[in-house]
Structures are given as C-alpha cells and as structure tokens.
Protein backbone atom coordinates (compact mmCIF):
# COMPACT_ATOMS: atom_id res chain seq x y z
CA MET A 1 32.80 9.41 15.83
CA ALA A 2 32.25 8.93 19.55
CA ILE A 3 35.44 10.84 20.35
CA LYS A 4 34.31 13.97 18.53
CA GLY A 5 30.68 13.64 19.65
CA GLY A 6 31.48 13.25 23.35
CA TYR A 7 30.23 9.65 23.60
CA PHE A 8 33.66 8.08 24.07
CA THR A 9 33.99 5.65 26.98
CA GLU A 10 36.76 3.39 28.27
CA ASN A 11 35.21 0.57 26.17
CA SER A 12 34.84 2.54 22.94
CA ASP A 13 36.77 1.60 19.86
CA ILE A 14 38.34 4.15 17.55
CA ASP A 15 37.14 4.53 13.96
CA LEU A 16 39.84 5.63 11.54
CA LEU A 17 39.41 6.39 7.86
CA ILE A 18 42.58 6.02 5.81
CA LYS A 19 43.51 6.43 2.19
CA PHE A 20 46.57 4.91 0.56
CA LYS A 21 48.13 6.17 -2.64
CA ASP A 22 47.93 3.78 -5.60
CA ILE A 23 50.15 0.81 -4.76
CA PRO A 24 50.09 -2.91 -5.67
CA PHE A 25 47.55 -4.97 -3.71
CA GLU A 26 50.20 -7.02 -1.89
CA LYS A 27 51.87 -3.87 -0.57
CA TYR A 28 48.46 -2.33 0.19
CA ALA A 29 47.39 -5.32 2.32
CA ASP A 30 50.73 -5.43 4.13
CA ASN A 31 50.57 -1.69 4.89
CA TYR A 32 46.93 -1.95 6.01
CA PHE A 33 47.56 -4.71 8.56
CA LYS A 34 50.78 -3.15 9.87
CA LEU A 35 49.01 0.19 10.30
CA HIS A 36 46.05 -1.49 12.02
CA GLU A 37 48.34 -3.22 14.52
CA LEU A 38 50.34 -0.02 15.08
CA PHE A 39 47.19 2.00 15.88
CA GLU A 40 45.79 -0.65 18.25
CA ASN A 41 49.09 -0.82 20.12
CA MET A 42 49.42 2.96 20.18
CA PHE A 43 45.89 3.63 21.46
CA GLY A 44 45.61 0.49 23.62
CA ARG A 45 42.12 -0.31 22.33
CA LYS A 46 40.28 -1.81 19.36
CA VAL A 47 40.56 0.18 16.15
CA ASP A 48 38.19 -0.03 13.18
CA LEU A 49 40.43 0.88 10.26
CA MET A 50 38.46 1.70 7.13
CA THR A 51 39.34 2.91 3.67
CA GLU A 52 37.22 5.11 1.42
CA ASN A 53 36.94 2.19 -1.01
CA SER A 54 35.59 -0.11 1.70
CA LEU A 55 32.68 2.20 2.54
CA SER A 56 29.76 1.61 0.21
CA ASN A 57 27.35 3.76 2.22
CA PRO A 58 27.74 7.36 0.96
CA TYR A 59 26.10 8.75 4.12
CA LEU A 60 28.63 7.01 6.37
CA LEU A 61 31.52 8.19 4.19
CA SER A 62 30.18 11.74 4.29
CA ALA A 63 29.76 11.61 8.07
CA MET A 64 33.25 10.22 8.58
CA THR A 65 34.90 12.81 6.37
CA SER A 66 32.95 15.64 7.99
CA TRP A 67 34.21 14.56 11.43
CA THR A 68 37.87 14.49 10.42
CA LEU A 69 40.05 15.47 13.37
CA PHE A 70 43.43 15.05 11.71
CA SER A 71 44.61 14.61 8.18
CA ALA A 72 48.16 13.77 7.14
CA ARG A 73 49.72 13.23 3.77
CA THR A 74 53.04 11.64 2.94
CA SER A 75 54.97 12.07 -0.25
C-alpha cells in the first residue's frame, strides 16, 4: 500500500494480493511459489504475496482490495 500512498522507499517491499481459480493444492502451491519468485526477480525487491484466503482480517482485505492498482484475469 506504500506505493499507492506515497510512502514507498528504496527499502520498501511490494504487497500483492492474488487469487487463483480452483485448482488442486499441489498445482496451487507450485503456481504460488513460481509466481512469488517471478515477481521478486521482476521488481528486484522483496514481495509479500498474499491470497484472499490467507487474509483473516476483513479490514486488511478491504483495504487491499480498495487500493487495487491493476487487476488481470486469465481464462
């Protein structure tokens, strides 16, 4: 949220909220870790990769979804 809020520094990490379609757990875990590595390599900094299911705090989920900068869907 630091990027959108103007608090982003050279040491900031990037928080990303992702959602996978329904897939078997093994494929889900493999996709999650590959995507995490891809984003860290792409941005050159630490990435906190979260899923909607991993967020138990409804206020955090609401804040993250309200600050969405980009949304993509694949078929």
